[in-house]
Amino acid sequence: MENEVGCECQLCGGRRGVVFCGAHGGRLCLQCDRALHQAHGGAGDHPRAPLCDSCNAAAAELRLNDGATLCGPCAYPYAYAYPYTYTYVYTGCPTPLEMMRLLHAAPPPPFTTTRRRRRRATSNSLICDCDS
């Protein structure tokens, strides 16, 4: 996987950095973030946040409605012109599902839930068709 220059993880250098950890020097990929913060007892207690999509050098503070996450200086020109929400800062080692939510990626629906809904909808429509 190729990385844009200046976007790579500052620990492994092989994957794209997606979170910012000020205590460990900046951009981290998800694998290095988890490995680093699980390995050191108190290291998981300091805050991390999604990486700014514009400068790739700071913790994002705002998420624009188009999904872009921006740090304070990068967000300044947009903060009053576009709708936004605040990003989440996290500590510890989130599960993959929690991490998807932190990074604002929509997780896929559970297979069993989707399957049950389809069966119910099908059986209900068959019952309705027979009654009419």
Protein backbone atom coordinates (compact mmCIF):
# COMPACT_ATOMS: atom_id res chain seq x y z
CA MET A 1 0.00 0.00 0.00
CA GLU A 2 1.52 3.30 -1.04
CA ASN A 3 1.34 6.30 1.25
CA GLU A 4 1.28 9.94 0.36
CA VAL A 5 4.48 11.68 1.42
CA GLY A 6 4.06 13.03 4.95
CA CYS A 7 1.12 10.76 5.79
CA GLU A 8 2.96 7.61 6.85
CA CYS A 9 2.98 6.27 10.39
CA GLN A 10 5.91 7.79 12.27
CA LEU A 11 6.59 4.54 14.09
CA CYS A 12 6.62 1.88 11.34
CA GLY A 13 6.72 4.11 8.24
CA GLY A 14 4.87 1.46 6.26
CA ARG A 15 1.20 2.33 6.72
CA ARG A 16 -0.82 5.52 6.64
CA GLY A 17 -1.10 7.33 9.96
CA VAL A 18 -4.73 7.84 11.03
CA VAL A 19 -4.47 8.85 14.70
CA PHE A 20 -2.43 11.52 16.46
CA CYS A 21 -0.59 10.75 19.68
CA GLY A 22 1.23 13.79 21.04
CA ALA A 23 2.98 11.81 23.79
CA HIS A 24 4.59 9.48 21.23
CA GLY A 25 5.46 12.03 18.60
CA GLY A 26 2.60 12.26 16.14
CA ARG A 27 1.03 10.10 13.43
CA LEU A 28 0.34 6.44 14.10
CA CYS A 29 -1.34 3.73 12.05
CA LEU A 30 -3.97 1.67 13.88
CA GLN A 31 -1.65 -1.32 14.30
CA CYS A 32 1.15 0.73 15.89
CA ASP A 33 -1.31 2.69 18.04
CA ARG A 34 -2.67 -0.55 19.50
CA ALA A 35 0.72 -2.23 19.89
CA LEU A 36 2.33 0.80 21.51
CA HIS A 37 -0.48 1.54 23.93
CA GLN A 38 -1.10 -2.09 24.95
CA ALA A 39 2.60 -2.77 25.56
CA HIS A 40 3.23 0.06 28.04
CA GLY A 41 1.10 0.00 31.18
CA GLY A 42 0.35 3.73 31.55
CA ALA A 43 0.77 4.64 27.88
CA GLY A 44 -2.85 3.86 27.10
CA ASP A 45 -4.02 6.52 29.54
CA HIS A 46 -2.96 9.55 27.53
CA PRO A 47 -5.31 11.06 24.94
CA ARG A 48 -5.23 10.37 21.21
CA ALA A 49 -7.49 11.62 18.43
CA PRO A 50 -8.08 11.20 14.70
CA LEU A 51 -5.40 12.84 12.58
CA CYS A 52 -6.11 16.12 10.78
CA ASP A 53 -6.93 15.35 7.13
CA SER A 54 -5.41 18.61 5.93
CA CYS A 55 -1.99 18.97 7.57
CA ASN A 56 -1.48 15.35 8.79
CA ALA A 57 0.47 16.76 11.73
CA ALA A 58 -2.02 17.45 14.53
CA ALA A 59 -5.00 16.01 16.37
CA ALA A 60 -8.30 16.76 14.65
CA GLU A 61 -10.74 18.85 16.65
CA LEU A 62 -13.65 19.24 14.22
CA ARG A 63 -15.38 16.98 11.73
CA LEU A 64 -17.09 18.76 8.86
CA ASN A 65 -20.33 17.26 7.55
CA ASP A 66 -18.48 16.01 4.46
CA GLY A 67 -16.41 13.78 6.78
CA ALA A 68 -13.15 15.76 6.80
CA THR A 69 -11.46 15.94 10.19
CA LEU A 70 -9.48 19.11 10.86
CA CYS A 71 -7.25 20.48 13.62
CA GLY A 72 -7.96 23.94 15.05
CA PRO A 73 -5.72 25.97 12.70
CA CYS A 74 -6.86 24.06 9.59
CA ALA A 75 -10.54 24.28 10.63
CA TYR A 76 -10.51 28.01 11.35
CA PRO A 77 -11.52 29.12 7.82
CA TYR A 78 -14.36 26.56 7.70
CA ALA A 79 -15.71 26.53 11.26
CA TYR A 80 -18.26 29.29 10.76
CA ALA A 81 -19.11 28.59 7.14
CA TYR A 82 -19.91 24.86 7.32
CA PRO A 83 -21.75 22.61 9.79
CA TYR A 84 -19.44 20.55 11.99
CA THR A 85 -19.24 18.35 15.07
CA TYR A 86 -16.39 17.85 17.50
CA THR A 87 -14.15 14.81 17.15
CA TYR A 88 -13.67 12.35 20.00
CA VAL A 89 -10.47 12.03 21.99
CA TYR A 90 -9.86 8.53 23.35
CA THR A 91 -7.60 6.69 25.76
CA GLY A 92 -6.87 3.01 26.23
CA CYS A 93 -7.20 0.48 23.44
CA PRO A 94 -10.60 0.65 21.74
CA THR A 95 -12.07 -2.42 20.07
CA PRO A 96 -12.15 -2.38 16.25
CA LEU A 97 -15.84 -1.42 16.31
CA GLU A 98 -15.20 1.42 18.77
CA MET A 99 -12.30 2.61 16.63
CA MET A 100 -14.53 2.70 13.53
CA ARG A 101 -16.95 4.91 15.44
CA LEU A 102 -14.13 7.17 16.65
CA LEU A 103 -12.87 7.57 13.09
CA HIS A 104 -16.47 8.09 11.92
CA ALA A 105 -16.58 5.05 9.69
CA ALA A 106 -19.94 3.32 9.59
CA PRO A 107 -19.60 -0.33 10.63
CA PRO A 108 -21.45 -2.89 8.55
CA PRO A 109 -24.68 -4.20 10.07
CA PRO A 110 -24.38 -7.54 11.87
CA PHE A 111 -25.11 -10.41 9.49
CA THR A 112 -27.55 -12.16 11.82
CA THR A 113 -29.63 -9.02 12.39
CA THR A 114 -29.92 -8.32 8.67
CA ARG A 115 -30.81 -11.92 7.97
CA ARG A 116 -33.54 -12.00 10.64
CA ARG A 117 -35.12 -8.83 9.34
CA ARG A 118 -35.30 -10.22 5.83
CA ARG A 119 -36.89 -13.45 7.03
CA ARG A 120 -39.48 -11.61 9.08
CA ALA A 121 -40.29 -9.28 6.22
CA THR A 122 -40.65 -12.22 3.84
CA SER A 123 -42.81 -14.30 6.18
CA ASN A 124 -44.99 -11.28 7.03
CA SER A 125 -45.55 -10.50 3.37
CA LEU A 126 -46.49 -14.12 2.70
CA ILE A 127 -49.03 -14.03 5.51
CA CYS A 128 -50.43 -10.76 4.22
CA ASP A 129 -50.68 -12.15 0.69
CA CYS A 130 -52.60 -15.20 1.90
CA ASP A 131 -55.05 -13.16 3.98
CA SER A 132 -56.06 -10.85 1.17
